[in-house]
Amino acid sequence: MMNPMSALPLLIAAVLANCPLKLAGQAGEERSWVSAAVVGAMIESKHGLVSEPVLGYQNGQHRPLLIVDMPSVPQTKVRAEVHTALAYFRMEEAARRFGIQLQLNSGFRTNDQQQEVFDLYRKGRGPLAARPGFSNHQSGYALDIDTRPPRVRSWLGRHGYRYGFQRTVPSESWHWEFRGEIRKLLSQPDPLQPHNS
């Protein structure tokens, strides 16, 4: 009998063998496995975080992703897809220069985690939630950022788009999705970086 932990890499390898090299993202950018591997290596080098392959979902279809554990509130595990994580780290660094501390509450969710959130929503005990398989938390795009502090909410509203993040759920000030292009973020200077004269 196969150990369940050794079965996961085999499952992911089987899925990857049947996937095209490039997966089209909803944002119009192609997020390839090559790009994910490069971005994952950059995150490991700069932040010491090791990426791991998982099966996510996009529009009800399985999507292989690389994710990393993100710094978050103690006893809260927040994970993010590597492209989204890199963009968030860049935005977080800019916010810090303005005296703003960004804090993550949620990121990538497994199907079981999304089912729990969806069940709470249906029982009226949780915020709006998509059906499992259709949440952008499962596709790697969505992060929930603590926007209770007015300065955080204001700063994100003025600058989040510069780092590729958009609010996509009008009733949720905390729900932000990375819809930018990683190539653009990596090739252009930080839009809020002070320039040397």
Protein backbone atom coordinates (compact mmCIF):
# COMPACT_ATOMS: atom_id res chain seq x y z
CA MET A 1 0.00 0.00 0.00
CA MET A 2 1.30 3.45 -0.96
CA ASN A 3 1.92 6.06 1.71
CA PRO A 4 -0.53 9.00 1.17
CA MET A 5 2.36 11.49 1.41
CA SER A 6 4.25 9.80 -1.42
CA ALA A 7 1.07 9.63 -3.54
CA LEU A 8 0.66 13.44 -3.68
CA PRO A 9 3.79 14.10 -5.79
CA LEU A 10 2.73 11.31 -8.14
CA LEU A 11 -0.75 12.82 -8.49
CA ILE A 12 0.67 16.26 -9.20
CA ALA A 13 3.16 14.82 -11.71
CA ALA A 14 0.30 13.02 -13.49
CA VAL A 15 -1.72 16.23 -13.69
CA LEU A 16 1.29 18.21 -14.91
CA ALA A 17 2.03 15.61 -17.58
CA ASN A 18 -1.39 16.35 -19.06
CA CYS A 19 -1.19 20.14 -18.76
CA PRO A 20 0.17 22.52 -21.36
CA LEU A 21 3.40 24.26 -20.44
CA LYS A 22 1.54 27.55 -20.15
CA LEU A 23 -1.72 28.06 -18.31
CA ALA A 24 -3.66 31.15 -19.28
CA GLY A 25 -4.53 33.27 -16.27
CA GLN A 26 -7.77 35.18 -15.95
CA ALA A 27 -5.73 38.37 -15.85
CA GLY A 28 -4.68 37.88 -19.45
CA GLU A 29 -1.14 36.93 -18.47
CA GLU A 30 0.19 33.48 -19.09
CA ARG A 31 1.48 31.98 -15.87
CA SER A 32 3.73 29.15 -16.96
CA TRP A 33 5.43 26.48 -14.89
CA VAL A 34 8.75 27.91 -15.98
CA SER A 35 7.70 31.34 -14.71
CA ALA A 36 6.38 29.84 -11.47
CA ALA A 37 9.65 27.95 -10.90
CA VAL A 38 11.70 31.13 -11.48
CA VAL A 39 9.46 33.22 -9.23
CA GLY A 40 9.51 30.46 -6.58
CA ALA A 41 13.32 30.48 -6.67
CA MET A 42 13.35 34.28 -6.32
CA ILE A 43 11.08 34.09 -3.28
CA GLU A 44 13.21 31.36 -1.71
CA SER A 45 16.39 33.38 -2.30
CA LYS A 46 15.03 36.68 -0.97
CA HIS A 47 12.55 35.53 1.70
CA GLY A 48 13.67 31.99 2.55
CA LEU A 49 10.27 30.53 1.65
CA VAL A 50 10.17 27.23 -0.24
CA SER A 51 7.38 26.72 -2.78
CA GLU A 52 5.37 23.52 -3.05
CA PRO A 53 3.11 22.16 -5.79
CA VAL A 54 -0.62 21.84 -5.06
CA LEU A 55 -3.79 21.30 -7.02
CA GLY A 56 -5.93 24.40 -7.13
CA TYR A 57 -9.05 25.23 -9.13
CA GLN A 58 -10.04 27.81 -11.70
CA ASN A 59 -13.59 27.94 -13.06
CA GLY A 60 -14.28 24.45 -11.72
CA GLN A 61 -11.20 22.91 -13.38
CA HIS A 62 -8.10 21.56 -11.61
CA ARG A 63 -5.08 23.85 -11.93
CA PRO A 64 -1.62 22.91 -10.67
CA LEU A 65 -0.03 25.75 -8.71
CA LEU A 66 3.14 26.50 -6.79
CA ILE A 67 2.42 28.07 -3.41
CA VAL A 68 4.42 29.40 -0.45
CA ASP A 69 3.63 29.97 3.20
CA MET A 70 3.27 33.69 3.86
CA PRO A 71 4.09 35.67 7.00
CA SER A 72 0.79 36.13 8.84
CA VAL A 73 -0.81 36.50 12.24
CA PRO A 74 0.52 33.86 14.67
CA GLN A 75 -1.50 30.62 14.58
CA THR A 76 -2.95 31.53 11.15
CA LYS A 77 -1.49 29.71 8.18
CA VAL A 78 -1.74 31.80 5.01
CA ARG A 79 -0.43 30.45 1.71
CA ALA A 80 -0.25 32.18 -1.67
CA GLU A 81 0.51 31.29 -5.28
CA VAL A 82 4.10 32.35 -6.06
CA HIS A 83 3.25 35.09 -8.62
CA THR A 84 0.70 36.60 -6.23
CA ALA A 85 3.14 36.26 -3.32
CA LEU A 86 5.94 38.08 -5.16
CA ALA A 87 3.62 40.96 -6.08
CA TYR A 88 2.36 41.11 -2.48
CA PHE A 89 5.90 41.23 -1.07
CA ARG A 90 6.71 44.16 -3.37
CA MET A 91 3.53 45.98 -2.34
CA GLU A 92 4.13 45.22 1.36
CA GLU A 93 7.63 46.67 1.14
CA ALA A 94 6.28 49.89 -0.42
CA ALA A 95 3.56 50.16 2.22
CA ARG A 96 6.16 49.78 4.98
CA ARG A 97 8.07 52.79 3.60
CA PHE A 98 4.87 54.81 4.19
CA GLY A 99 4.53 53.49 7.75
CA ILE A 100 1.74 51.09 6.75
CA GLN A 101 1.83 47.47 7.94
CA LEU A 102 -0.09 45.04 5.74
CA GLN A 103 -1.36 41.86 7.38
CA LEU A 104 -2.73 38.80 5.58
CA ASN A 105 -5.73 36.92 6.93
CA SER A 106 -6.30 34.42 4.10
CA GLY A 107 -4.84 33.34 0.78
CA PHE A 108 -4.85 30.06 -1.14
CA ARG A 109 -7.53 27.60 -0.02
CA THR A 110 -7.83 23.89 -0.65
CA ASN A 111 -11.16 22.50 -1.82
CA ASP A 112 -11.95 21.36 1.74
CA GLN A 113 -11.13 24.80 3.16
CA GLN A 114 -13.31 26.49 0.54
CA GLN A 115 -16.15 24.05 1.35
CA GLU A 116 -15.95 25.08 5.04
CA VAL A 117 -16.09 28.80 4.13
CA PHE A 118 -18.95 28.18 1.68
CA ASP A 119 -20.92 26.19 4.29
CA LEU A 120 -20.56 29.05 6.80
CA TYR A 121 -21.79 31.51 4.16
CA ARG A 122 -24.83 29.34 3.36
CA LYS A 123 -25.67 29.11 7.08
CA GLY A 124 -25.46 32.91 7.38
CA ARG A 125 -22.41 32.75 9.65
CA GLY A 126 -19.76 33.96 7.22
CA PRO A 127 -19.13 36.49 4.46
CA LEU A 128 -19.94 35.94 0.80
CA ALA A 129 -18.16 32.82 -0.51
CA ALA A 130 -17.95 31.10 -3.89
CA ARG A 131 -18.77 27.43 -4.39
CA PRO A 132 -15.76 25.12 -4.05
CA GLY A 133 -13.85 24.99 -7.33
CA PHE A 134 -14.91 28.51 -8.32
CA SER A 135 -13.19 30.71 -5.73
CA ASN A 136 -10.24 32.86 -6.74
CA HIS A 137 -8.71 31.84 -3.40
CA GLN A 138 -8.36 28.42 -5.04
CA SER A 139 -6.87 29.80 -8.27
CA GLY A 140 -4.06 31.58 -6.48
CA TYR A 141 -5.22 35.12 -7.31
CA ALA A 142 -6.97 36.18 -4.08
CA LEU A 143 -5.62 37.42 -0.77
CA ASP A 144 -7.60 38.74 2.18
CA ILE A 145 -5.74 41.68 3.71
CA ASP A 146 -6.68 43.13 7.10
CA THR A 147 -8.25 46.46 6.11
CA ARG A 148 -9.73 47.37 9.50
CA PRO A 149 -7.12 50.10 10.05
CA PRO A 150 -8.33 53.11 8.00
CA ARG A 151 -4.77 53.97 6.90
CA VAL A 152 -4.33 50.48 5.41
CA ARG A 153 -7.67 50.67 3.58
CA SER A 154 -6.84 54.14 2.26
CA TRP A 155 -3.29 53.23 1.18
CA LEU A 156 -4.46 50.10 -0.67
CA GLY A 157 -7.22 52.08 -2.38
CA ARG A 158 -4.68 54.62 -3.64
CA HIS A 159 -1.76 52.31 -4.46
CA GLY A 160 -2.82 48.63 -4.67
CA TYR A 161 -3.39 48.84 -8.43
CA ARG A 162 0.24 49.95 -8.94
CA TYR A 163 1.28 46.47 -7.77
CA GLY A 164 -1.34 44.62 -9.83
CA PHE A 165 -3.93 44.22 -7.05
CA GLN A 166 -7.62 44.99 -7.48
CA ARG A 167 -10.66 44.84 -5.22
CA THR A 168 -13.01 42.50 -7.06
CA VAL A 169 -15.76 42.02 -4.45
CA PRO A 170 -17.35 45.43 -3.74
CA SER A 171 -18.83 44.32 -0.40
CA GLU A 172 -15.45 43.08 0.90
CA SER A 173 -12.81 45.74 1.51
CA TRP A 174 -10.36 42.99 2.52
CA HIS A 175 -10.55 40.88 -0.66
CA TRP A 176 -7.77 41.77 -3.13
CA GLU A 177 -6.76 39.85 -6.25
CA PHE A 178 -3.47 39.97 -8.11
CA ARG A 179 -4.43 40.77 -11.70
CA GLY A 180 -1.17 42.33 -12.82
CA GLU A 181 1.64 41.04 -14.97
CA ILE A 182 4.68 39.69 -13.16
CA ARG A 183 6.94 40.59 -16.10
CA LYS A 184 5.88 44.22 -15.80
CA LEU A 185 6.42 44.23 -12.02
CA LEU A 186 9.89 42.73 -12.38
CA SER A 187 11.03 44.89 -15.28
CA GLN A 188 9.85 48.27 -14.00
CA PRO A 189 11.11 50.16 -10.97
CA ASP A 190 8.87 50.28 -7.93
CA PRO A 191 6.26 52.95 -8.77
CA LEU A 192 6.43 54.38 -5.25
CA GLN A 193 10.20 54.12 -4.81
CA PRO A 194 11.78 57.49 -4.02
CA HIS A 195 14.04 58.54 -6.89
CA ASN A 196 17.60 59.66 -6.25
CA SER A 197 18.38 63.06 -7.70
